[in-house]
Amino acid sequence: MVCFQKFPRKKKKEKKTLVSFFFFFLKKNYKKKIKKRKNLMKYFTTYLSTAPVIALIWFTFTAGLLIEANRFFPDPL
């Protein structure tokens, strides 16, 4: 009886094809997009908290309130 010794199988080398490169590129870009979205949201909230934006929102609200008050009660103003 002959005894065969089992050798560990060699892993197949991945072929560097255009398709594998494409998927690698997509995966890499997806991670970058997620980071970019987080940064964009951070920049947007920083922008919203600046004085000119807050002043614009406040003055728009006040003007709208005065216009509506004048529409319903025209004599007091």
N, C-alpha and C. Protein backbone atom coordinates (compact mmCIF):
# COMPACT_ATOMS: atom_id res chain seq x y z
N MET A 1 0.84 -1.17 0.00
CA MET A 1 0.00 0.00 0.00
C MET A 1 0.89 1.23 0.00
N VAL A 2 0.54 2.14 -0.89
CA VAL A 2 1.33 3.37 -1.03
C VAL A 2 0.63 4.47 -0.25
N CYS A 3 1.41 5.17 0.52
CA CYS A 3 0.84 6.26 1.32
C CYS A 3 1.18 7.59 0.64
N PHE A 4 0.15 8.34 0.35
CA PHE A 4 0.38 9.64 -0.27
C PHE A 4 0.31 10.73 0.79
N GLN A 5 1.27 11.57 0.74
CA GLN A 5 1.30 12.67 1.69
C GLN A 5 0.54 13.85 1.09
N LYS A 6 -0.32 14.46 1.90
CA LYS A 6 -1.08 15.60 1.39
C LYS A 6 -0.29 16.87 1.62
N PHE A 7 -0.09 17.56 0.56
CA PHE A 7 0.57 18.86 0.65
C PHE A 7 -0.50 19.94 0.66
N PRO A 8 -0.24 21.01 1.38
CA PRO A 8 -1.25 22.09 1.37
C PRO A 8 -1.39 22.67 -0.03
N ARG A 9 -2.60 22.93 -0.37
CA ARG A 9 -2.85 23.48 -1.70
C ARG A 9 -2.37 24.92 -1.76
N LYS A 10 -1.83 25.25 -2.88
CA LYS A 10 -1.40 26.63 -3.08
C LYS A 10 -2.62 27.47 -3.43
N LYS A 11 -2.63 28.65 -2.88
CA LYS A 11 -3.73 29.55 -3.21
C LYS A 11 -3.55 30.04 -4.63
N LYS A 12 -4.66 30.11 -5.31
CA LYS A 12 -4.59 30.60 -6.67
C LYS A 12 -4.32 32.10 -6.64
N LYS A 13 -3.44 32.51 -7.48
CA LYS A 13 -3.16 33.94 -7.57
C LYS A 13 -4.30 34.61 -8.32
N GLU A 14 -4.70 35.75 -7.78
CA GLU A 14 -5.76 36.48 -8.48
C GLU A 14 -5.18 37.08 -9.74
N LYS A 15 -5.92 36.91 -10.77
CA LYS A 15 -5.47 37.51 -12.02
C LYS A 15 -5.75 39.00 -11.98
N LYS A 16 -4.79 39.75 -12.35
CA LYS A 16 -4.96 41.20 -12.36
C LYS A 16 -5.66 41.58 -13.66
N THR A 17 -6.94 41.42 -13.63
CA THR A 17 -7.71 41.74 -14.82
C THR A 17 -8.32 43.12 -14.67
N LEU A 18 -8.90 43.57 -15.72
CA LEU A 18 -9.55 44.88 -15.72
C LEU A 18 -10.76 44.88 -14.80
N VAL A 19 -11.45 43.75 -14.72
CA VAL A 19 -12.64 43.66 -13.87
C VAL A 19 -12.26 43.75 -12.40
N SER A 20 -11.22 43.05 -11.98
CA SER A 20 -10.81 43.11 -10.57
C SER A 20 -10.33 44.51 -10.22
N PHE A 21 -9.64 45.14 -11.14
CA PHE A 21 -9.20 46.52 -10.90
C PHE A 21 -10.40 47.45 -10.78
N PHE A 22 -11.40 47.23 -11.61
CA PHE A 22 -12.61 48.05 -11.59
C PHE A 22 -13.31 47.94 -10.24
N PHE A 23 -13.47 46.71 -9.73
CA PHE A 23 -14.13 46.53 -8.43
C PHE A 23 -13.30 47.12 -7.30
N PHE A 24 -11.99 46.99 -7.37
CA PHE A 24 -11.12 47.60 -6.37
C PHE A 24 -11.30 49.11 -6.38
N PHE A 25 -11.36 49.69 -7.56
CA PHE A 25 -11.51 51.14 -7.71
C PHE A 25 -12.86 51.60 -7.17
N LEU A 26 -13.94 50.84 -7.44
CA LEU A 26 -15.26 51.18 -6.94
C LEU A 26 -15.30 51.16 -5.41
N LYS A 27 -14.70 50.13 -4.83
CA LYS A 27 -14.68 49.99 -3.37
C LYS A 27 -13.93 51.16 -2.74
N LYS A 28 -12.81 51.51 -3.34
CA LYS A 28 -11.99 52.60 -2.82
C LYS A 28 -12.75 53.92 -2.93
N ASN A 29 -13.40 54.14 -4.06
CA ASN A 29 -14.16 55.38 -4.26
C ASN A 29 -15.34 55.47 -3.32
N TYR A 30 -15.99 54.35 -3.03
CA TYR A 30 -17.14 54.34 -2.14
C TYR A 30 -16.74 54.80 -0.74
N LYS A 31 -15.60 54.32 -0.27
CA LYS A 31 -15.12 54.74 1.05
C LYS A 31 -14.81 56.23 1.07
N LYS A 32 -14.24 56.73 -0.03
CA LYS A 32 -13.95 58.16 -0.11
C LYS A 32 -15.23 58.98 -0.10
N LYS A 33 -16.27 58.50 -0.79
CA LYS A 33 -17.52 59.24 -0.85
C LYS A 33 -18.17 59.34 0.52
N ILE A 34 -18.08 58.27 1.31
CA ILE A 34 -18.66 58.30 2.65
C ILE A 34 -17.94 59.35 3.50
N LYS A 35 -16.61 59.37 3.42
CA LYS A 35 -15.86 60.37 4.17
C LYS A 35 -16.21 61.77 3.69
N LYS A 36 -16.37 61.92 2.37
CA LYS A 36 -16.68 63.22 1.80
C LYS A 36 -18.04 63.70 2.27
N ARG A 37 -19.03 62.80 2.34
CA ARG A 37 -20.36 63.18 2.81
C ARG A 37 -20.31 63.68 4.25
N LYS A 38 -19.55 62.99 5.09
CA LYS A 38 -19.45 63.42 6.48
C LYS A 38 -18.84 64.81 6.56
N ASN A 39 -17.79 65.05 5.76
CA ASN A 39 -17.16 66.36 5.76
C ASN A 39 -18.11 67.42 5.22
N LEU A 40 -18.87 67.10 4.17
CA LEU A 40 -19.81 68.07 3.62
C LEU A 40 -20.87 68.45 4.64
N MET A 41 -21.36 67.48 5.39
CA MET A 41 -22.36 67.77 6.41
C MET A 41 -21.76 68.65 7.50
N LYS A 42 -20.52 68.38 7.86
CA LYS A 42 -19.85 69.18 8.87
C LYS A 42 -19.69 70.61 8.37
N TYR A 43 -19.27 70.77 7.12
CA TYR A 43 -19.11 72.10 6.54
C TYR A 43 -20.44 72.83 6.45
N PHE A 44 -21.51 72.09 6.10
CA PHE A 44 -22.82 72.70 5.97
C PHE A 44 -23.33 73.20 7.31
N THR A 45 -23.17 72.42 8.36
CA THR A 45 -23.63 72.86 9.68
C THR A 45 -22.80 74.04 10.17
N THR A 46 -21.52 74.05 9.85
CA THR A 46 -20.68 75.19 10.21
C THR A 46 -21.15 76.44 9.48
N TYR A 47 -21.49 76.28 8.20
CA TYR A 47 -21.97 77.41 7.41
C TYR A 47 -23.29 77.94 7.97
N LEU A 48 -24.18 77.03 8.36
CA LEU A 48 -25.48 77.47 8.88
C LEU A 48 -25.36 78.21 10.20
N SER A 49 -24.31 77.94 10.94
CA SER A 49 -24.18 78.58 12.24
C SER A 49 -23.43 79.91 12.16
N THR A 50 -23.13 80.40 10.97
CA THR A 50 -22.45 81.70 10.85
C THR A 50 -23.46 82.82 11.02
N ALA A 51 -22.97 83.99 11.41
CA ALA A 51 -23.84 85.13 11.72
C ALA A 51 -24.71 85.59 10.55
N PRO A 52 -24.19 85.74 9.33
CA PRO A 52 -25.07 86.22 8.25
C PRO A 52 -26.25 85.29 7.96
N VAL A 53 -26.03 84.00 8.05
CA VAL A 53 -27.12 83.05 7.79
C VAL A 53 -28.16 83.12 8.89
N ILE A 54 -27.71 83.17 10.12
CA ILE A 54 -28.64 83.26 11.25
C ILE A 54 -29.41 84.57 11.19
N ALA A 55 -28.72 85.67 10.84
CA ALA A 55 -29.39 86.96 10.71
C ALA A 55 -30.44 86.93 9.60
N LEU A 56 -30.11 86.33 8.47
CA LEU A 56 -31.06 86.23 7.36
C LEU A 56 -32.31 85.47 7.78
N ILE A 57 -32.12 84.37 8.46
CA ILE A 57 -33.27 83.57 8.92
C ILE A 57 -34.12 84.38 9.91
N TRP A 58 -33.45 85.06 10.84
CA TRP A 58 -34.17 85.83 11.85
C TRP A 58 -34.95 86.98 11.23
N PHE A 59 -34.33 87.73 10.32
CA PHE A 59 -35.00 88.87 9.69
C PHE A 59 -36.14 88.41 8.78
N THR A 60 -35.97 87.29 8.11
CA THR A 60 -37.04 86.75 7.27
C THR A 60 -38.23 86.36 8.13
N PHE A 61 -37.98 85.73 9.25
CA PHE A 61 -39.05 85.34 10.16
C PHE A 61 -39.77 86.57 10.70
N THR A 62 -39.01 87.58 11.12
CA THR A 62 -39.60 88.80 11.67
C THR A 62 -40.43 89.53 10.62
N ALA A 63 -39.90 89.66 9.40
CA ALA A 63 -40.64 90.34 8.33
C ALA A 63 -41.93 89.58 8.02
N GLY A 64 -41.85 88.27 7.94
CA GLY A 64 -43.05 87.48 7.67
C GLY A 64 -44.08 87.63 8.76
N LEU A 65 -43.62 87.67 10.00
CA LEU A 65 -44.54 87.85 11.13
C LEU A 65 -45.22 89.21 11.07
N LEU A 66 -44.47 90.25 10.76
CA LEU A 66 -45.05 91.60 10.65
C LEU A 66 -46.03 91.69 9.49
N ILE A 67 -45.69 91.09 8.36
CA ILE A 67 -46.58 91.12 7.19
C ILE A 67 -47.89 90.40 7.50
N GLU A 68 -47.81 89.26 8.15
CA GLU A 68 -49.03 88.52 8.48
C GLU A 68 -49.84 89.26 9.54
N ALA A 69 -49.19 89.89 10.50
CA ALA A 69 -49.91 90.65 11.52
C ALA A 69 -50.62 91.83 10.87
N ASN A 70 -49.96 92.48 9.91
CA ASN A 70 -50.57 93.61 9.21
C ASN A 70 -51.74 93.16 8.34
N ARG A 71 -51.69 91.95 7.83
CA ARG A 71 -52.78 91.46 7.00
C ARG A 71 -54.03 91.20 7.84
N PHE A 72 -53.86 90.64 9.02
CA PHE A 72 -55.02 90.32 9.85
C PHE A 72 -55.48 91.51 10.70
N PHE A 73 -54.55 92.35 11.13
CA PHE A 73 -54.89 93.53 11.95
C PHE A 73 -54.25 94.76 11.32
N PRO A 74 -54.84 95.32 10.28
CA PRO A 74 -54.18 96.41 9.55
C PRO A 74 -54.13 97.74 10.30
N ASP A 75 -55.03 98.01 11.21
CA ASP A 75 -55.08 99.32 11.86
C ASP A 75 -54.00 99.55 12.92
N PRO A 76 -53.67 98.58 13.79
CA PRO A 76 -52.71 98.88 14.87
C PRO A 76 -51.32 99.27 14.37
N LEU A 77 -50.88 98.74 13.25
CA LEU A 77 -49.54 99.09 12.78
C LEU A 77 -49.61 100.37 11.99
